[in-house]
Amino acid sequence: MTELKRILLVEDNANDVALTLAALEETHLANEVVVVRDGQQALDFLRRRGPYADRPDGHPAVVLLDLKLPKVDGLEVLAQVKSDPELKAIPIVMLTSSREEQDLTRSYGLGVNAYVVKPVAFPDFVEALKDLGLFWAVVNQPPPGALSRGGER
């Protein structure tokens, strides 16, 4: 049996973390969700540094990335991941409340795979995450070997 790949949620707002986890739970995805609270933690997790040096091998199926983050903002995380040959194939979905055109344009310019504005109503949020989770964690087929560094597929 193939091991389910984890989802990395990068979100500093505790309420948004709780809502996202609740929405993902309602989708009945069995993927593990790893939560980090700032951009530096996200980069450390992806690069297996610091407290994440001993995390299981393999990259996440998808990174759900907030735009406005402490330490390193979402756009800088996106830029670093997409410029790193080891990480650039990881799908990144900007999951943000920003509807600003400059954020959208810059995100796509840096290589984001999708840009989703967080719906205000919880049922709409659940539906959006259900679609995201099913697509990125189940339906999407990554390039061969792109997400399996060290055995996880």
N, C-alpha and C. Protein backbone atom coordinates (compact mmCIF):
# COMPACT_ATOMS: atom_id res chain seq x y z
N MET A 1 0.84 -1.18 0.00
CA MET A 1 0.00 0.00 0.00
C MET A 1 0.88 1.24 0.00
N THR A 2 0.51 2.23 -0.80
CA THR A 2 1.27 3.47 -0.89
C THR A 2 0.98 4.34 0.32
N GLU A 3 2.06 4.87 0.91
CA GLU A 3 1.90 5.75 2.06
C GLU A 3 1.36 7.09 1.58
N LEU A 4 0.38 7.63 2.30
CA LEU A 4 -0.18 8.93 1.95
C LEU A 4 0.84 10.02 2.26
N LYS A 5 0.96 10.94 1.34
CA LYS A 5 1.89 12.04 1.53
C LYS A 5 1.25 13.10 2.41
N ARG A 6 2.09 13.74 3.19
CA ARG A 6 1.58 14.77 4.10
C ARG A 6 1.28 16.06 3.36
N ILE A 7 0.48 16.88 4.01
CA ILE A 7 0.16 18.22 3.55
C ILE A 7 0.84 19.17 4.52
N LEU A 8 1.54 20.17 4.01
CA LEU A 8 2.17 21.17 4.86
C LEU A 8 1.32 22.43 4.85
N LEU A 9 0.83 22.81 6.02
CA LEU A 9 0.04 24.02 6.19
C LEU A 9 0.93 25.06 6.85
N VAL A 10 1.13 26.18 6.18
CA VAL A 10 1.96 27.27 6.70
C VAL A 10 1.03 28.44 7.01
N GLU A 11 0.71 28.60 8.29
CA GLU A 11 -0.29 29.59 8.71
C GLU A 11 0.03 30.06 10.12
N ASP A 12 0.07 31.37 10.32
CA ASP A 12 0.40 31.91 11.64
C ASP A 12 -0.82 32.22 12.49
N ASN A 13 -1.98 32.34 11.87
CA ASN A 13 -3.20 32.68 12.61
C ASN A 13 -3.84 31.41 13.18
N ALA A 14 -3.92 31.34 14.51
CA ALA A 14 -4.45 30.13 15.17
C ALA A 14 -5.88 29.81 14.74
N ASN A 15 -6.71 30.84 14.56
CA ASN A 15 -8.08 30.60 14.13
C ASN A 15 -8.12 30.02 12.72
N ASP A 16 -7.27 30.55 11.83
CA ASP A 16 -7.23 30.02 10.46
C ASP A 16 -6.69 28.59 10.43
N VAL A 17 -5.73 28.29 11.32
CA VAL A 17 -5.24 26.91 11.42
C VAL A 17 -6.38 25.99 11.83
N ALA A 18 -7.11 26.38 12.87
CA ALA A 18 -8.21 25.55 13.37
C ALA A 18 -9.28 25.36 12.29
N LEU A 19 -9.63 26.43 11.59
CA LEU A 19 -10.63 26.33 10.53
C LEU A 19 -10.15 25.45 9.38
N THR A 20 -8.89 25.61 9.01
CA THR A 20 -8.34 24.80 7.92
C THR A 20 -8.31 23.33 8.29
N LEU A 21 -7.85 23.03 9.51
CA LEU A 21 -7.82 21.63 9.95
C LEU A 21 -9.23 21.04 10.03
N ALA A 22 -10.18 21.83 10.52
CA ALA A 22 -11.57 21.36 10.59
C ALA A 22 -12.12 21.12 9.19
N ALA A 23 -11.81 22.02 8.27
CA ALA A 23 -12.30 21.87 6.90
C ALA A 23 -11.67 20.65 6.24
N LEU A 24 -10.37 20.46 6.44
CA LEU A 24 -9.71 19.27 5.87
C LEU A 24 -10.26 17.99 6.47
N GLU A 25 -10.57 18.02 7.76
CA GLU A 25 -11.14 16.84 8.41
C GLU A 25 -12.50 16.50 7.80
N GLU A 26 -13.28 17.52 7.48
CA GLU A 26 -14.60 17.28 6.87
C GLU A 26 -14.49 16.68 5.48
N THR A 27 -13.33 16.84 4.83
CA THR A 27 -13.15 16.28 3.50
C THR A 27 -12.84 14.78 3.56
N HIS A 28 -12.53 14.28 4.78
CA HIS A 28 -12.21 12.88 5.01
C HIS A 28 -10.93 12.43 4.31
N LEU A 29 -10.03 13.39 4.06
CA LEU A 29 -8.70 13.01 3.57
C LEU A 29 -7.93 12.41 4.73
N ALA A 30 -7.20 11.36 4.48
CA ALA A 30 -6.44 10.70 5.54
C ALA A 30 -5.00 11.21 5.63
N ASN A 31 -4.65 12.14 4.76
CA ASN A 31 -3.28 12.66 4.76
C ASN A 31 -2.97 13.35 6.07
N GLU A 32 -1.74 13.13 6.56
CA GLU A 32 -1.27 13.86 7.73
C GLU A 32 -1.10 15.33 7.35
N VAL A 33 -1.51 16.23 8.23
CA VAL A 33 -1.30 17.66 8.01
C VAL A 33 -0.28 18.14 9.03
N VAL A 34 0.82 18.68 8.53
CA VAL A 34 1.85 19.26 9.38
C VAL A 34 1.64 20.77 9.36
N VAL A 35 1.59 21.38 10.54
CA VAL A 35 1.36 22.82 10.64
C VAL A 35 2.63 23.49 11.12
N VAL A 36 3.06 24.51 10.40
CA VAL A 36 4.14 25.39 10.85
C VAL A 36 3.59 26.80 10.87
N ARG A 37 4.16 27.64 11.74
CA ARG A 37 3.56 28.95 12.02
C ARG A 37 4.24 30.15 11.37
N ASP A 38 5.37 29.94 10.70
CA ASP A 38 6.01 31.07 10.02
C ASP A 38 6.80 30.56 8.82
N GLY A 39 7.24 31.50 7.99
CA GLY A 39 7.94 31.13 6.77
C GLY A 39 9.28 30.45 7.01
N GLN A 40 9.97 30.84 8.06
CA GLN A 40 11.26 30.21 8.36
C GLN A 40 11.07 28.75 8.73
N GLN A 41 10.03 28.46 9.53
CA GLN A 41 9.74 27.07 9.88
C GLN A 41 9.39 26.26 8.62
N ALA A 42 8.67 26.87 7.70
CA ALA A 42 8.31 26.18 6.46
C ALA A 42 9.57 25.79 5.69
N LEU A 43 10.49 26.74 5.55
CA LEU A 43 11.73 26.45 4.82
C LEU A 43 12.57 25.40 5.56
N ASP A 44 12.62 25.50 6.88
CA ASP A 44 13.35 24.51 7.67
C ASP A 44 12.74 23.12 7.50
N PHE A 45 11.40 23.04 7.51
CA PHE A 45 10.72 21.76 7.32
C PHE A 45 11.07 21.18 5.95
N LEU A 46 10.91 21.99 4.91
CA LEU A 46 11.14 21.50 3.55
C LEU A 46 12.59 21.10 3.31
N ARG A 47 13.51 21.81 3.94
CA ARG A 47 14.94 21.52 3.75
C ARG A 47 15.50 20.59 4.83
N ARG A 48 14.62 20.12 5.72
CA ARG A 48 15.01 19.19 6.79
C ARG A 48 16.14 19.75 7.63
N ARG A 49 15.93 20.97 8.13
CA ARG A 49 16.91 21.65 8.97
C ARG A 49 16.35 21.86 10.37
N GLY A 50 17.26 22.12 11.31
CA GLY A 50 16.86 22.47 12.67
C GLY A 50 15.97 21.40 13.29
N PRO A 51 14.82 21.81 13.85
CA PRO A 51 13.95 20.85 14.53
C PRO A 51 13.33 19.81 13.58
N TYR A 52 13.46 20.04 12.27
CA TYR A 52 12.88 19.12 11.28
C TYR A 52 13.93 18.24 10.62
N ALA A 53 15.15 18.27 11.13
CA ALA A 53 16.24 17.50 10.52
C ALA A 53 15.94 16.00 10.51
N ASP A 54 15.18 15.52 11.50
CA ASP A 54 14.89 14.10 11.61
C ASP A 54 13.48 13.73 11.13
N ARG A 55 12.82 14.64 10.46
CA ARG A 55 11.47 14.31 9.99
C ARG A 55 11.55 13.20 8.95
N PRO A 56 10.44 12.49 8.73
CA PRO A 56 10.45 11.41 7.72
C PRO A 56 10.84 11.95 6.34
N ASP A 57 11.45 11.09 5.54
CA ASP A 57 11.85 11.45 4.19
C ASP A 57 10.63 11.80 3.34
N GLY A 58 10.87 12.49 2.27
CA GLY A 58 9.83 12.81 1.30
C GLY A 58 9.29 14.21 1.47
N HIS A 59 8.86 14.75 0.36
CA HIS A 59 8.27 16.09 0.36
C HIS A 59 6.76 16.00 0.49
N PRO A 60 6.12 17.08 0.93
CA PRO A 60 4.67 17.08 1.04
C PRO A 60 3.99 16.94 -0.33
N ALA A 61 2.77 16.45 -0.33
CA ALA A 61 1.98 16.38 -1.56
C ALA A 61 1.68 17.79 -2.04
N VAL A 62 1.49 18.70 -1.08
CA VAL A 62 1.17 20.09 -1.39
C VAL A 62 1.51 20.95 -0.18
N VAL A 63 1.86 22.19 -0.44
CA VAL A 63 2.07 23.18 0.62
C VAL A 63 0.94 24.20 0.50
N LEU A 64 0.18 24.36 1.58
CA LEU A 64 -0.84 25.41 1.66
C LEU A 64 -0.18 26.57 2.38
N LEU A 65 0.08 27.65 1.66
CA LEU A 65 0.95 28.72 2.13
C LEU A 65 0.19 30.03 2.28
N ASP A 66 0.22 30.59 3.48
CA ASP A 66 -0.36 31.91 3.70
C ASP A 66 0.60 32.95 3.14
N LEU A 67 0.09 34.09 2.78
CA LEU A 67 0.89 35.15 2.20
C LEU A 67 1.60 35.98 3.27
N LYS A 68 0.85 36.39 4.25
CA LYS A 68 1.38 37.28 5.30
C LYS A 68 1.83 36.42 6.48
N LEU A 69 3.15 36.25 6.62
CA LEU A 69 3.72 35.40 7.66
C LEU A 69 4.82 36.13 8.40
N PRO A 70 5.05 35.77 9.67
CA PRO A 70 6.20 36.34 10.37
C PRO A 70 7.51 35.71 9.90
N LYS A 71 8.59 36.39 10.19
CA LYS A 71 9.98 35.98 9.89
C LYS A 71 10.27 36.00 8.40
N VAL A 72 9.65 35.12 7.63
CA VAL A 72 9.83 35.08 6.18
C VAL A 72 8.42 35.04 5.59
N ASP A 73 8.06 36.04 4.76
CA ASP A 73 6.69 36.06 4.24
C ASP A 73 6.47 35.00 3.17
N GLY A 74 5.20 34.78 2.85
CA GLY A 74 4.83 33.72 1.92
C GLY A 74 5.46 33.86 0.54
N LEU A 75 5.59 35.10 0.05
CA LEU A 75 6.18 35.30 -1.26
C LEU A 75 7.66 34.91 -1.26
N GLU A 76 8.37 35.20 -0.18
CA GLU A 76 9.78 34.82 -0.09
C GLU A 76 9.92 33.30 0.02
N VAL A 77 9.04 32.66 0.79
CA VAL A 77 9.06 31.19 0.88
C VAL A 77 8.84 30.61 -0.52
N LEU A 78 7.85 31.13 -1.22
CA LEU A 78 7.55 30.67 -2.58
C LEU A 78 8.76 30.85 -3.49
N ALA A 79 9.39 32.02 -3.43
CA ALA A 79 10.55 32.29 -4.28
C ALA A 79 11.68 31.32 -3.98
N GLN A 80 11.95 31.07 -2.70
CA GLN A 80 13.04 30.16 -2.34
C GLN A 80 12.75 28.72 -2.77
N VAL A 81 11.52 28.28 -2.56
CA VAL A 81 11.17 26.90 -2.92
C VAL A 81 11.25 26.71 -4.43
N LYS A 82 10.70 27.63 -5.18
CA LYS A 82 10.66 27.48 -6.63
C LYS A 82 12.02 27.69 -7.29
N SER A 83 12.98 28.26 -6.56
CA SER A 83 14.33 28.43 -7.12
C SER A 83 15.28 27.32 -6.67
N ASP A 84 14.78 26.40 -5.85
CA ASP A 84 15.60 25.31 -5.33
C ASP A 84 15.34 24.05 -6.15
N PRO A 85 16.35 23.51 -6.84
CA PRO A 85 16.14 22.32 -7.69
C PRO A 85 15.55 21.13 -6.94
N GLU A 86 15.85 20.99 -5.66
CA GLU A 86 15.32 19.86 -4.87
C GLU A 86 13.86 20.06 -4.48
N LEU A 87 13.38 21.30 -4.45
CA LEU A 87 12.05 21.59 -3.92
C LEU A 87 11.07 22.11 -4.96
N LYS A 88 11.55 22.57 -6.10
CA LYS A 88 10.70 23.33 -7.01
C LYS A 88 9.49 22.57 -7.57
N ALA A 89 9.53 21.25 -7.56
CA ALA A 89 8.39 20.48 -8.07
C ALA A 89 7.26 20.33 -7.06
N ILE A 90 7.49 20.74 -5.81
CA ILE A 90 6.44 20.64 -4.79
C ILE A 90 5.33 21.62 -5.14
N PRO A 91 4.10 21.15 -5.26
CA PRO A 91 2.99 22.07 -5.54
C PRO A 91 2.76 23.02 -4.36
N ILE A 92 2.63 24.30 -4.66
CA ILE A 92 2.35 25.29 -3.63
C ILE A 92 1.06 26.01 -4.00
N VAL A 93 0.15 26.02 -3.02
CA VAL A 93 -1.11 26.74 -3.17
C VAL A 93 -1.08 27.89 -2.18
N MET A 94 -1.16 29.11 -2.70
CA MET A 94 -1.27 30.27 -1.84
C MET A 94 -2.70 30.28 -1.31
N LEU A 95 -2.84 30.15 -0.01
CA LEU A 95 -4.16 30.12 0.64
C LEU A 95 -4.19 31.35 1.54
N THR A 96 -4.85 32.40 1.06
CA THR A 96 -4.73 33.70 1.70
C THR A 96 -6.04 34.47 1.67
N SER A 97 -6.11 35.50 2.46
CA SER A 97 -7.28 36.37 2.43
C SER A 97 -7.05 37.56 1.50
N SER A 98 -5.86 37.69 0.94
CA SER A 98 -5.53 38.83 0.08
C SER A 98 -6.15 38.68 -1.31
N ARG A 99 -6.87 39.70 -1.69
CA ARG A 99 -7.42 39.78 -3.04
C ARG A 99 -6.66 40.81 -3.87
N GLU A 100 -5.54 41.30 -3.34
CA GLU A 100 -4.78 42.35 -4.02
C GLU A 100 -4.16 41.80 -5.30
N GLU A 101 -4.37 42.54 -6.38
CA GLU A 101 -3.87 42.10 -7.69
C GLU A 101 -2.36 41.91 -7.69
N GLN A 102 -1.63 42.77 -6.98
CA GLN A 102 -0.17 42.66 -6.96
C GLN A 102 0.27 41.35 -6.29
N ASP A 103 -0.45 40.91 -5.25
CA ASP A 103 -0.11 39.64 -4.60
C ASP A 103 -0.35 38.47 -5.55
N LEU A 104 -1.47 38.53 -6.24
CA LEU A 104 -1.82 37.48 -7.20
C LEU A 104 -0.79 37.43 -8.33
N THR A 105 -0.49 38.57 -8.91
CA THR A 105 0.46 38.65 -10.01
C THR A 105 1.85 38.20 -9.58
N ARG A 106 2.30 38.66 -8.43
CA ARG A 106 3.64 38.28 -7.95
C ARG A 106 3.70 36.78 -7.65
N SER A 107 2.64 36.24 -7.04
CA SER A 107 2.62 34.81 -6.72
C SER A 107 2.77 33.97 -7.98
N TYR A 108 2.00 34.28 -9.01
CA TYR A 108 2.10 33.51 -10.25
C TYR A 108 3.44 33.74 -10.93
N GLY A 109 3.97 34.96 -10.82
CA GLY A 109 5.28 35.25 -11.38
C GLY A 109 6.39 34.43 -10.73
N LEU A 110 6.21 34.09 -9.46
CA LEU A 110 7.20 33.30 -8.73
C LEU A 110 6.98 31.80 -8.88
N GLY A 111 5.88 31.41 -9.53
CA GLY A 111 5.67 29.99 -9.82
C GLY A 111 4.65 29.28 -8.96
N VAL A 112 3.77 30.01 -8.27
CA VAL A 112 2.74 29.34 -7.47
C VAL A 112 1.88 28.46 -8.38
N ASN A 113 1.43 27.34 -7.86
CA ASN A 113 0.60 26.43 -8.64
C ASN A 113 -0.87 26.81 -8.62
N ALA A 114 -1.30 27.47 -7.55
CA ALA A 114 -2.68 27.93 -7.46
C ALA A 114 -2.75 29.04 -6.41
N TYR A 115 -3.71 29.92 -6.58
CA TYR A 115 -3.91 31.03 -5.66
C TYR A 115 -5.38 30.99 -5.25
N VAL A 116 -5.63 30.74 -3.97
CA VAL A 116 -6.99 30.60 -3.48
C VAL A 116 -7.24 31.62 -2.38
N VAL A 117 -8.28 32.44 -2.58
CA VAL A 117 -8.68 33.39 -1.55
C VAL A 117 -9.59 32.65 -0.59
N LYS A 118 -9.26 32.74 0.70
CA LYS A 118 -10.04 32.04 1.73
C LYS A 118 -11.47 32.57 1.75
N PRO A 119 -12.44 31.71 1.50
CA PRO A 119 -13.84 32.14 1.60
C PRO A 119 -14.18 32.49 3.05
N VAL A 120 -15.08 33.45 3.22
CA VAL A 120 -15.46 33.89 4.55
C VAL A 120 -16.38 32.86 5.23
N ALA A 121 -17.33 32.34 4.50
CA ALA A 121 -18.30 31.39 5.07
C ALA A 121 -17.65 30.00 5.20
N PHE A 122 -17.80 29.39 6.37
CA PHE A 122 -17.17 28.10 6.63
C PHE A 122 -17.57 27.03 5.62
N PRO A 123 -18.86 26.89 5.26
CA PRO A 123 -19.19 25.86 4.26
C PRO A 123 -18.46 26.07 2.93
N ASP A 124 -18.29 27.32 2.52
CA ASP A 124 -17.56 27.61 1.29
C ASP A 124 -16.08 27.28 1.45
N PHE A 125 -15.54 27.54 2.66
CA PHE A 125 -14.15 27.23 2.95
C PHE A 125 -13.93 25.72 2.91
N VAL A 126 -14.85 24.97 3.50
CA VAL A 126 -14.76 23.50 3.48
C VAL A 126 -14.77 23.00 2.04
N GLU A 127 -15.66 23.54 1.23
CA GLU A 127 -15.76 23.11 -0.17
C GLU A 127 -14.47 23.42 -0.93
N ALA A 128 -13.92 24.61 -0.70
CA ALA A 128 -12.67 24.99 -1.38
C ALA A 128 -11.53 24.06 -0.97
N LEU A 129 -11.42 23.76 0.32
CA LEU A 129 -10.36 22.87 0.78
C LEU A 129 -10.59 21.43 0.34
N LYS A 130 -11.82 21.03 0.26
CA LYS A 130 -12.12 19.68 -0.24
C LYS A 130 -11.60 19.54 -1.67
N ASP A 131 -11.89 20.53 -2.49
CA ASP A 131 -11.43 20.50 -3.87
C ASP A 131 -9.89 20.54 -3.93
N LEU A 132 -9.29 21.40 -3.13
CA LEU A 132 -7.83 21.50 -3.10
C LEU A 132 -7.20 20.19 -2.64
N GLY A 133 -7.70 19.67 -1.54
CA GLY A 133 -7.13 18.45 -0.97
C GLY A 133 -7.26 17.28 -1.91
N LEU A 134 -8.43 17.09 -2.48
CA LEU A 134 -8.62 15.97 -3.39
C LEU A 134 -7.73 16.09 -4.61
N PHE A 135 -7.61 17.30 -5.14
CA PHE A 135 -6.79 17.46 -6.33
C PHE A 135 -5.32 17.23 -6.04
N TRP A 136 -4.77 17.98 -5.07
CA TRP A 136 -3.32 17.93 -4.85
C TRP A 136 -2.86 16.67 -4.13
N ALA A 137 -3.66 16.15 -3.22
CA ALA A 137 -3.22 14.99 -2.44
C ALA A 137 -3.63 13.66 -3.05
N VAL A 138 -4.63 13.66 -3.95
CA VAL A 138 -5.13 12.40 -4.49
C VAL A 138 -5.05 12.34 -6.02
N VAL A 139 -5.58 13.33 -6.70
CA VAL A 139 -5.73 13.29 -8.15
C VAL A 139 -4.44 13.64 -8.89
N ASN A 140 -3.77 14.70 -8.48
CA ASN A 140 -2.59 15.19 -9.18
C ASN A 140 -1.48 14.14 -9.22
N GLN A 141 -0.85 14.00 -10.38
CA GLN A 141 0.28 13.10 -10.54
C GLN A 141 1.54 13.95 -10.68
N PRO A 142 2.44 13.92 -9.69
CA PRO A 142 3.67 14.71 -9.78
C PRO A 142 4.64 14.08 -10.78
N PRO A 143 5.64 14.86 -11.21
CA PRO A 143 6.65 14.28 -12.10
C PRO A 143 7.33 13.10 -11.41
N PRO A 144 7.76 12.08 -12.15
CA PRO A 144 8.41 10.92 -11.54
C PRO A 144 9.60 11.33 -10.68
N GLY A 145 9.59 10.87 -9.43
CA GLY A 145 10.70 11.13 -8.51
C GLY A 145 10.73 12.52 -7.92
N ALA A 146 9.89 13.42 -8.36
CA ALA A 146 9.97 14.81 -7.92
C ALA A 146 9.65 14.98 -6.45
N LEU A 147 8.76 14.18 -5.93
CA LEU A 147 8.35 14.36 -4.54
C LEU A 147 8.88 13.27 -3.63
N SER A 148 9.57 12.31 -4.18
CA SER A 148 10.04 11.22 -3.33
C SER A 148 11.55 11.29 -3.16
N ARG A 149 11.98 11.97 -2.19
CA ARG A 149 13.40 12.03 -1.87
C ARG A 149 13.61 11.16 -0.65
N GLY A 150 14.12 9.98 -0.87
CA GLY A 150 14.39 9.10 0.24
C GLY A 150 13.33 8.07 0.51
N GLY A 151 12.44 7.81 -0.41
CA GLY A 151 11.57 6.68 -0.26
C GLY A 151 10.08 6.94 -0.18
N GLU A 152 9.64 8.09 0.29
CA GLU A 152 8.19 8.28 0.41
C GLU A 152 7.61 8.61 -0.94
N ARG A 153 6.49 8.06 -1.28
CA ARG A 153 5.86 8.27 -2.59
C ARG A 153 4.44 8.70 -2.43
